[in-house]
PDB file of all heavy atoms in Angstrom:
ATOM      1  N   GLY A   1      10.419 -12.297  -8.587  1.00  0.00           N
ATOM      2  CA  GLY A   1       9.334 -11.360  -8.317  1.00  0.00           C
ATOM      3  C   GLY A   1       8.027 -12.155  -8.276  1.00  0.00           C
ATOM      4  O   GLY A   1       6.955 -11.531  -8.200  1.00  0.00           O
ATOM      5  N   MET A   2       8.110 -13.498  -8.370  1.00  0.00           N
ATOM      6  CA  MET A   2       6.790 -14.237  -8.261  1.00  0.00           C
ATOM      7  C   MET A   2       6.207 -14.126  -6.882  1.00  0.00           C
ATOM      8  O   MET A   2       5.071 -14.216  -6.827  1.00  0.00           O
ATOM      9  CB  MET A   2       7.091 -15.745  -8.480  1.00  0.00           C
ATOM     10  CG  MET A   2       7.340 -16.190  -9.978  1.00  0.00           C
ATOM     11  SD  MET A   2       5.978 -15.921 -11.016  1.00  0.00           S
ATOM     12  CE  MET A   2       6.322 -14.541 -11.939  1.00  0.00           C
ATOM     13  N   ASP A   3       6.924 -13.605  -5.921  1.00  0.00           N
ATOM     14  CA  ASP A   3       6.282 -13.362  -4.572  1.00  0.00           C
ATOM     15  C   ASP A   3       5.314 -12.211  -4.767  1.00  0.00           C
ATOM     16  O   ASP A   3       4.595 -11.843  -3.820  1.00  0.00           O
ATOM     17  CB  ASP A   3       7.287 -13.284  -3.435  1.00  0.00           C
ATOM     18  CG  ASP A   3       7.766 -14.655  -3.033  1.00  0.00           C
ATOM     19  OD1 ASP A   3       7.057 -15.638  -3.241  1.00  0.00           O
ATOM     20  OD2 ASP A   3       8.890 -14.708  -2.442  1.00  0.00           O
ATOM     21  N   LEU A   4       5.312 -11.448  -5.777  1.00  0.00           N
ATOM     22  CA  LEU A   4       4.384 -10.206  -5.874  1.00  0.00           C
ATOM     23  C   LEU A   4       3.078 -10.891  -6.234  1.00  0.00           C
ATOM     24  O   LEU A   4       2.114  -9.971  -6.209  1.00  0.00           O
ATOM     25  CB  LEU A   4       4.952  -9.323  -6.846  1.00  0.00           C
ATOM     26  CG  LEU A   4       6.336  -8.687  -6.801  1.00  0.00           C
ATOM     27  CD1 LEU A   4       6.727  -7.873  -7.998  1.00  0.00           C
ATOM     28  CD2 LEU A   4       6.307  -7.832  -5.570  1.00  0.00           C
ATOM     29  N   TYR A   5       2.929 -11.996  -6.589  1.00  0.00           N
ATOM     30  CA  TYR A   5       1.663 -12.623  -7.002  1.00  0.00           C
ATOM     31  C   TYR A   5       0.999 -13.407  -5.876  1.00  0.00           C
ATOM     32  O   TYR A   5       1.778 -14.065  -5.076  1.00  0.00           O
ATOM     33  CB  TYR A   5       1.798 -13.504  -8.144  1.00  0.00           C
ATOM     34  CG  TYR A   5       2.234 -12.841  -9.395  1.00  0.00           C
ATOM     35  CD1 TYR A   5       3.494 -12.803  -9.792  1.00  0.00           C
ATOM     36  CD2 TYR A   5       1.344 -12.035 -10.229  1.00  0.00           C
ATOM     37  CE1 TYR A   5       3.871 -12.063 -10.995  1.00  0.00           C
ATOM     38  CE2 TYR A   5       1.693 -11.503 -11.366  1.00  0.00           C
ATOM     39  CZ  TYR A   5       2.980 -11.351 -11.720  1.00  0.00           C
ATOM     40  OH  TYR A   5       3.308 -10.718 -12.800  1.00  0.00           O
ATOM     41  N   ASP A   6      -0.222 -13.321  -5.787  1.00  0.00           N
ATOM     42  CA  ASP A   6      -0.948 -14.137  -4.692  1.00  0.00           C
ATOM     43  C   ASP A   6      -1.086 -15.571  -5.142  1.00  0.00           C
ATOM     44  O   ASP A   6      -1.131 -16.436  -4.381  1.00  0.00           O
ATOM     45  CB  ASP A   6      -2.410 -13.501  -4.539  1.00  0.00           C
ATOM     46  CG  ASP A   6      -2.283 -12.041  -3.818  1.00  0.00           C
ATOM     47  OD1 ASP A   6      -1.699 -11.825  -3.005  1.00  0.00           O
ATOM     48  OD2 ASP A   6      -2.913 -11.258  -4.649  1.00  0.00           O
ATOM     49  N   ALA A   7      -1.058 -15.812  -6.531  1.00  0.00           N
ATOM     50  CA  ALA A   7      -1.192 -17.109  -6.910  1.00  0.00           C
ATOM     51  C   ALA A   7      -0.474 -17.307  -8.302  1.00  0.00           C
ATOM     52  O   ALA A   7      -0.461 -16.269  -9.035  1.00  0.00           O
ATOM     53  CB  ALA A   7      -2.720 -17.701  -7.012  1.00  0.00           C
ATOM     54  N   ILE A   8      -0.031 -18.517  -8.617  1.00  0.00           N
ATOM     55  CA  ILE A   8       0.542 -18.790  -9.894  1.00  0.00           C
ATOM     56  C   ILE A   8      -0.127 -19.907 -10.517  1.00  0.00           C
ATOM     57  O   ILE A   8      -0.268 -20.936  -9.871  1.00  0.00           O
ATOM     58  CB  ILE A   8       2.055 -19.111  -9.657  1.00  0.00           C
ATOM     59  CG1 ILE A   8       2.807 -17.944  -9.077  1.00  0.00           C
ATOM     60  CG2 ILE A   8       2.799 -19.378 -10.986  1.00  0.00           C
ATOM     61  CD1 ILE A   8       4.072 -18.128  -8.500  1.00  0.00           C
ATOM     62  N   ILE A   9      -0.653 -19.822 -11.688  1.00  0.00           N
ATOM     63  CA  ILE A   9      -1.468 -20.823 -12.471  1.00  0.00           C
ATOM     64  C   ILE A   9      -0.562 -21.321 -13.508  1.00  0.00           C
ATOM     65  O   ILE A   9      -0.181 -20.596 -14.460  1.00  0.00           O
ATOM     66  CB  ILE A   9      -2.672 -20.279 -12.996  1.00  0.00           C
ATOM     67  CG1 ILE A   9      -3.570 -19.504 -11.951  1.00  0.00           C
ATOM     68  CG2 ILE A   9      -3.530 -21.505 -13.521  1.00  0.00           C
ATOM     69  CD1 ILE A   9      -3.952 -20.225 -10.744  1.00  0.00           C
ATOM     70  N   VAL A  10      -0.175 -22.572 -13.552  1.00  0.00           N
ATOM     71  CA  VAL A  10       0.683 -23.264 -14.549  1.00  0.00           C
ATOM     72  C   VAL A  10       0.065 -24.597 -15.016  1.00  0.00           C
ATOM     73  O   VAL A  10      -1.053 -25.014 -14.466  1.00  0.00           O
ATOM     74  CB  VAL A  10       2.110 -23.603 -13.896  1.00  0.00           C
ATOM     75  CG1 VAL A  10       2.791 -22.319 -13.498  1.00  0.00           C
ATOM     76  CG2 VAL A  10       1.987 -24.464 -12.727  1.00  0.00           C
ATOM     77  N   THR A  11       0.647 -25.120 -16.090  1.00  0.00           N
ATOM     78  CA  THR A  11       0.173 -26.431 -16.572  1.00  0.00           C
ATOM     79  C   THR A  11       1.372 -27.378 -16.737  1.00  0.00           C
ATOM     80  O   THR A  11       2.352 -27.048 -17.202  1.00  0.00           O
ATOM     81  CB  THR A  11      -0.534 -26.285 -17.802  1.00  0.00           C
ATOM     82  OG1 THR A  11      -1.136 -27.775 -18.307  1.00  0.00           O
ATOM     83  CG2 THR A  11       0.217 -25.736 -18.945  1.00  0.00           C
ATOM     84  N   GLY A  12       1.163 -28.528 -16.102  1.00  0.00           N
ATOM     85  CA  GLY A  12       2.262 -29.608 -16.120  1.00  0.00           C
ATOM     86  C   GLY A  12       3.582 -29.118 -15.622  1.00  0.00           C
ATOM     87  O   GLY A  12       4.532 -29.582 -16.150  1.00  0.00           O
ATOM     88  N   PHE A  13       3.575 -28.416 -14.475  1.00  0.00           N
ATOM     89  CA  PHE A  13       4.804 -28.023 -13.931  1.00  0.00           C
ATOM     90  C   PHE A  13       5.542 -29.062 -13.272  1.00  0.00           C
ATOM     91  O   PHE A  13       4.904 -30.119 -12.870  1.00  0.00           O
ATOM     92  CB  PHE A  13       4.689 -26.763 -12.934  1.00  0.00           C
ATOM     93  CG  PHE A  13       4.040 -27.132 -11.697  1.00  0.00           C
ATOM     94  CD1 PHE A  13       4.677 -27.590 -10.488  1.00  0.00           C
ATOM     95  CD2 PHE A  13       2.666 -27.076 -11.535  1.00  0.00           C
ATOM     96  CE1 PHE A  13       4.152 -27.975  -9.349  1.00  0.00           C
ATOM     97  CE2 PHE A  13       1.957 -27.417 -10.404  1.00  0.00           C
ATOM     98  CZ  PHE A  13       2.791 -27.803  -9.269  1.00  0.00           C
ATOM     99  N   ASN A  14       6.850 -28.942 -13.014  1.00  0.00           N
ATOM    100  CA  ASN A  14       7.601 -29.832 -12.225  1.00  0.00           C
ATOM    101  C   ASN A  14       8.200 -29.032 -11.023  1.00  0.00           C
ATOM    102  O   ASN A  14       7.993 -27.991 -10.941  1.00  0.00           O
ATOM    103  CB  ASN A  14       8.684 -30.587 -12.998  1.00  0.00           C
ATOM    104  CG  ASN A  14       9.698 -29.670 -13.588  1.00  0.00           C
ATOM    105  OD1 ASN A  14      10.000 -28.742 -13.134  1.00  0.00           O
ATOM    106  ND2 ASN A  14      10.201 -30.016 -14.783  1.00  0.00           N
ATOM    107  N   LYS A  15       9.100 -29.676 -10.257  1.00  0.00           N
ATOM    108  CA  LYS A  15       9.676 -28.959  -9.121  1.00  0.00           C
ATOM    109  C   LYS A  15      10.524 -27.773  -9.511  1.00  0.00           C
ATOM    110  O   LYS A  15      10.797 -26.998  -8.738  1.00  0.00           O
ATOM    111  CB  LYS A  15      10.424 -30.082  -8.294  1.00  0.00           C
ATOM    112  CG  LYS A  15      11.654 -30.429  -9.047  1.00  0.00           C
ATOM    113  CD  LYS A  15      12.477 -31.520  -8.004  1.00  0.00           C
ATOM    114  CE  LYS A  15      13.636 -31.869  -8.747  1.00  0.00           C
ATOM    115  NZ  LYS A  15      14.515 -32.597  -7.995  1.00  0.00           N
ATOM    116  N   ASP A  16      10.993 -27.729 -10.844  1.00  0.00           N
ATOM    117  CA  ASP A  16      11.870 -26.683 -11.355  1.00  0.00           C
ATOM    118  C   ASP A  16      11.105 -25.583 -12.025  1.00  0.00           C
ATOM    119  O   ASP A  16      11.673 -24.883 -12.726  1.00  0.00           O
ATOM    120  CB  ASP A  16      12.889 -27.218 -12.114  1.00  0.00           C
ATOM    121  CG  ASP A  16      13.774 -28.289 -11.467  1.00  0.00           C
ATOM    122  OD1 ASP A  16      13.790 -28.278 -10.166  1.00  0.00           O
ATOM    123  OD2 ASP A  16      14.474 -29.023 -12.102  1.00  0.00           O
ATOM    124  N   PHE A  17       9.707 -25.434 -11.886  1.00  0.00           N
ATOM    125  CA  PHE A  17       9.018 -24.639 -12.827  1.00  0.00           C
ATOM    126  C   PHE A  17       9.345 -23.122 -12.592  1.00  0.00           C
ATOM    127  O   PHE A  17       9.282 -22.491 -13.670  1.00  0.00           O
ATOM    128  CB  PHE A  17       7.542 -24.835 -12.671  1.00  0.00           C
ATOM    129  CG  PHE A  17       6.889 -24.014 -11.559  1.00  0.00           C
ATOM    130  CD1 PHE A  17       6.250 -22.754 -11.955  1.00  0.00           C
ATOM    131  CD2 PHE A  17       6.869 -24.441 -10.351  1.00  0.00           C
ATOM    132  CE1 PHE A  17       5.801 -22.159 -10.887  1.00  0.00           C
ATOM    133  CE2 PHE A  17       6.337 -23.735  -9.299  1.00  0.00           C
ATOM    134  CZ  PHE A  17       5.649 -22.523  -9.583  1.00  0.00           C
ATOM    135  N   LEU A  18       9.984 -22.775 -11.560  1.00  0.00           N
ATOM    136  CA  LEU A  18      10.294 -21.387 -11.438  1.00  0.00           C
ATOM    137  C   LEU A  18      11.823 -21.045 -11.761  1.00  0.00           C
ATOM    138  O   LEU A  18      12.310 -20.053 -11.474  1.00  0.00           O
ATOM    139  CB  LEU A  18      10.121 -20.802 -10.012  1.00  0.00           C
ATOM    140  CG  LEU A  18       8.679 -20.585  -9.485  1.00  0.00           C
ATOM    141  CD1 LEU A  18       8.540 -20.150  -8.109  1.00  0.00           C
ATOM    142  CD2 LEU A  18       7.976 -19.692 -10.464  1.00  0.00           C
ATOM    143  N   GLY A  19      12.438 -22.125 -12.347  1.00  0.00           N
ATOM    144  CA  GLY A  19      13.775 -21.928 -12.892  1.00  0.00           C
ATOM    145  C   GLY A  19      14.881 -22.291 -11.863  1.00  0.00           C
ATOM    146  O   GLY A  19      16.006 -22.123 -12.110  1.00  0.00           O
ATOM    147  N   VAL A  20      14.477 -22.729 -10.694  1.00  0.00           N
ATOM    148  CA  VAL A  20      15.362 -23.090  -9.718  1.00  0.00           C
ATOM    149  C   VAL A  20      14.845 -24.435  -9.079  1.00  0.00           C
ATOM    150  O   VAL A  20      13.659 -24.714  -9.022  1.00  0.00           O
ATOM    151  CB  VAL A  20      15.439 -21.984  -8.577  1.00  0.00           C
ATOM    152  CG1 VAL A  20      16.148 -20.802  -9.028  1.00  0.00           C
ATOM    153  CG2 VAL A  20      14.126 -21.639  -7.986  1.00  0.00           C
ATOM    154  N   GLU A  21      15.767 -25.238  -8.653  1.00  0.00           N
ATOM    155  CA  GLU A  21      15.413 -26.585  -8.112  1.00  0.00           C
ATOM    156  C   GLU A  21      14.669 -26.410  -6.811  1.00  0.00           C
ATOM    157  O   GLU A  21      13.852 -27.197  -6.438  1.00  0.00           O
ATOM    158  CB  GLU A  21      16.611 -27.428  -7.914  1.00  0.00           C
ATOM    159  CG  GLU A  21      16.337 -28.834  -7.567  1.00  0.00           C
ATOM    160  CD  GLU A  21      17.453 -29.708  -7.563  1.00  0.00           C
ATOM    161  OE1 GLU A  21      18.266 -29.665  -8.534  1.00  0.00           O
ATOM    162  OE2 GLU A  21      17.690 -30.547  -6.647  1.00  0.00           O
ATOM    163  N   ASP A  22      15.106 -25.452  -6.003  1.00  0.00           N
ATOM    164  CA  ASP A  22      14.589 -25.250  -4.621  1.00  0.00           C
ATOM    165  C   ASP A  22      13.545 -24.053  -4.794  1.00  0.00           C
ATOM    166  O   ASP A  22      13.887 -23.024  -4.261  1.00  0.00           O
ATOM    167  CB  ASP A  22      15.725 -25.006  -3.669  1.00  0.00           C
ATOM    168  CG  ASP A  22      15.069 -24.840  -2.271  1.00  0.00           C
ATOM    169  OD1 ASP A  22      13.950 -25.376  -2.020  1.00  0.00           O
ATOM    170  OD2 ASP A  22      15.768 -24.348  -1.334  1.00  0.00           O
ATOM    171  N   THR A  23      12.382 -24.341  -5.300  1.00  0.00           N
ATOM    172  CA  THR A  23      11.412 -23.371  -5.375  1.00  0.00           C
ATOM    173  C   THR A  23      10.909 -22.908  -4.058  1.00  0.00           C
ATOM    174  O   THR A  23      10.431 -23.757  -3.295  1.00  0.00           O
ATOM    175  CB  THR A  23      10.189 -23.810  -6.324  1.00  0.00           C
ATOM    176  OG1 THR A  23      10.705 -24.190  -7.473  1.00  0.00           O
ATOM    177  CG2 THR A  23       9.103 -22.782  -6.503  1.00  0.00           C
ATOM    178  N   ASN A  24      10.974 -21.604  -3.739  1.00  0.00           N
ATOM    179  CA  ASN A  24      10.454 -21.109  -2.474  1.00  0.00           C
ATOM    180  C   ASN A  24       9.592 -19.886  -2.747  1.00  0.00           C
ATOM    181  O   ASN A  24      10.052 -18.925  -2.873  1.00  0.00           O
ATOM    182  CB  ASN A  24      11.658 -20.888  -1.513  1.00  0.00           C
ATOM    183  CG  ASN A  24      11.200 -20.352  -0.169  1.00  0.00           C
ATOM    184  OD1 ASN A  24       9.978 -20.678   0.249  1.00  0.00           O
ATOM    185  ND2 ASN A  24      12.134 -19.928   0.633  1.00  0.00           N
ATOM    186  N   THR A  25       8.275 -20.071  -2.735  1.00  0.00           N
ATOM    187  CA  THR A  25       7.424 -18.934  -2.922  1.00  0.00           C
ATOM    188  C   THR A  25       6.325 -19.105  -1.866  1.00  0.00           C
ATOM    189  O   THR A  25       5.804 -20.154  -1.552  1.00  0.00           O
ATOM    190  CB  THR A  25       6.879 -18.838  -4.320  1.00  0.00           C
ATOM    191  OG1 THR A  25       5.981 -17.710  -4.451  1.00  0.00           O
ATOM    192  CG2 THR A  25       6.136 -20.089  -4.694  1.00  0.00           C
ATOM    193  N   LYS A  26       5.792 -17.846  -1.487  1.00  0.00           N
ATOM    194  CA  LYS A  26       4.594 -17.883  -0.562  1.00  0.00           C
ATOM    195  C   LYS A  26       3.281 -17.968  -1.406  1.00  0.00           C
ATOM    196  O   LYS A  26       2.184 -18.138  -0.882  1.00  0.00           O
ATOM    197  CB  LYS A  26       4.603 -16.596   0.231  1.00  0.00           C
ATOM    198  CG  LYS A  26       5.671 -16.545   1.185  1.00  0.00           C
ATOM    199  CD  LYS A  26       5.783 -15.192   1.959  1.00  0.00           C
ATOM    200  CE  LYS A  26       7.163 -14.784   2.459  1.00  0.00           C
ATOM    201  NZ  LYS A  26       7.249 -13.443   2.703  1.00  0.00           N
ATOM    202  N   SER A  27       3.460 -17.782  -2.738  1.00  0.00           N
ATOM    203  CA  SER A  27       2.267 -17.710  -3.659  1.00  0.00           C
ATOM    204  C   SER A  27       1.631 -19.164  -3.748  1.00  0.00           C
ATOM    205  O   SER A  27       2.300 -20.082  -3.685  1.00  0.00           O
ATOM    206  CB  SER A  27       2.687 -17.411  -5.001  1.00  0.00           C
ATOM    207  OG  SER A  27       3.333 -16.086  -5.023  1.00  0.00           O
ATOM    208  N   VAL A  28       0.315 -19.126  -3.819  1.00  0.00           N
ATOM    209  CA  VAL A  28      -0.391 -20.379  -4.101  1.00  0.00           C
ATOM    210  C   VAL A  28      -0.053 -20.802  -5.547  1.00  0.00           C
ATOM    211  O   VAL A  28      -0.031 -19.963  -6.436  1.00  0.00           O
ATOM    212  CB  VAL A  28      -1.909 -20.093  -3.990  1.00  0.00           C
ATOM    213  CG1 VAL A  28      -2.810 -21.319  -4.363  1.00  0.00           C
ATOM    214  CG2 VAL A  28      -2.328 -19.687  -2.673  1.00  0.00           C
ATOM    215  N   VAL A  29       0.221 -22.031  -5.697  1.00  0.00           N
ATOM    216  CA  VAL A  29       0.589 -22.596  -7.007  1.00  0.00           C
ATOM    217  C   VAL A  29      -0.473 -23.641  -7.409  1.00  0.00           C
ATOM    218  O   VAL A  29      -0.732 -24.567  -6.621  1.00  0.00           O
ATOM    219  CB  VAL A  29       1.941 -23.243  -7.016  1.00  0.00           C
ATOM    220  CG1 VAL A  29       2.182 -23.876  -8.478  1.00  0.00           C
ATOM    221  CG2 VAL A  29       3.029 -22.209  -6.617  1.00  0.00           C
ATOM    222  N   ILE A  30      -1.156 -23.489  -8.605  1.00  0.00           N
ATOM    223  CA  ILE A  30      -2.271 -24.268  -9.079  1.00  0.00           C
ATOM    224  C   ILE A  30      -1.877 -24.866 -10.341  1.00  0.00           C
ATOM    225  O   ILE A  30      -1.474 -24.073 -11.285  1.00  0.00           O
ATOM    226  CB  ILE A  30      -3.562 -23.601  -9.155  1.00  0.00           C
ATOM    227  CG1 ILE A  30      -3.948 -23.089  -7.711  1.00  0.00           C
ATOM    228  CG2 ILE A  30      -4.582 -24.531  -9.753  1.00  0.00           C
ATOM    229  CD1 ILE A  30      -5.284 -22.313  -7.745  1.00  0.00           C
ATOM    230  N   ASP A  31      -1.702 -26.189 -10.473  1.00  0.00           N
ATOM    231  CA  ASP A  31      -1.524 -26.983 -11.693  1.00  0.00           C
ATOM    232  C   ASP A  31      -2.903 -27.079 -12.437  1.00  0.00           C
ATOM    233  O   ASP A  31      -3.772 -27.726 -11.995  1.00  0.00           O
ATOM    234  CB  ASP A  31      -0.927 -28.231 -11.443  1.00  0.00           C
ATOM    235  CG  ASP A  31      -0.504 -28.993 -12.726  1.00  0.00           C
ATOM    236  OD1 ASP A  31      -0.910 -28.466 -13.844  1.00  0.00           O
ATOM    237  OD2 ASP A  31      -0.031 -30.068 -12.677  1.00  0.00           O
TER     238      ASP A  31
END
Protein backbone atom coordinates (compact mmCIF):
# COMPACT_ATOMS: atom_id res chain seq x y z
CA GLY A 1 0.00 0.00 0.00
CA MET A 2 2.98 2.34 -0.15
CA ASP A 3 1.78 3.44 -3.59
CA LEU A 4 -1.09 5.17 -1.80
CA TYR A 5 1.47 7.74 -0.67
CA ASP A 6 2.87 10.54 -2.78
CA ALA A 7 6.15 10.36 -0.86
CA ILE A 8 7.93 8.22 1.69
CA ILE A 9 10.38 9.76 4.17
CA VAL A 10 12.89 7.39 5.76
CA THR A 11 16.25 7.54 7.47
CA GLY A 12 19.23 5.40 6.54
CA PHE A 13 17.31 3.11 4.21
CA ASN A 14 18.85 0.47 2.03
CA LYS A 15 17.57 -1.15 -1.13
CA ASP A 16 15.34 -3.45 0.96
CA PHE A 17 13.63 -0.78 3.03
CA LEU A 18 10.13 -1.77 1.86
CA GLY A 19 10.71 -5.38 2.85
CA VAL A 20 11.48 -6.61 -0.62
CA GLU A 21 14.70 -6.64 -2.54
CA ASP A 22 13.12 -5.32 -5.72
CA THR A 23 11.44 -2.17 -4.43
CA ASN A 24 9.01 -0.84 -7.00
CA THR A 25 7.02 2.23 -6.04
CA LYS A 26 5.92 5.34 -7.85
CA SER A 27 6.21 7.30 -4.62
CA VAL A 28 9.01 9.80 -4.10
CA VAL A 29 11.48 8.38 -1.56
CA ILE A 30 13.54 10.83 0.52
CA ASP A 31 16.32 9.74 2.87
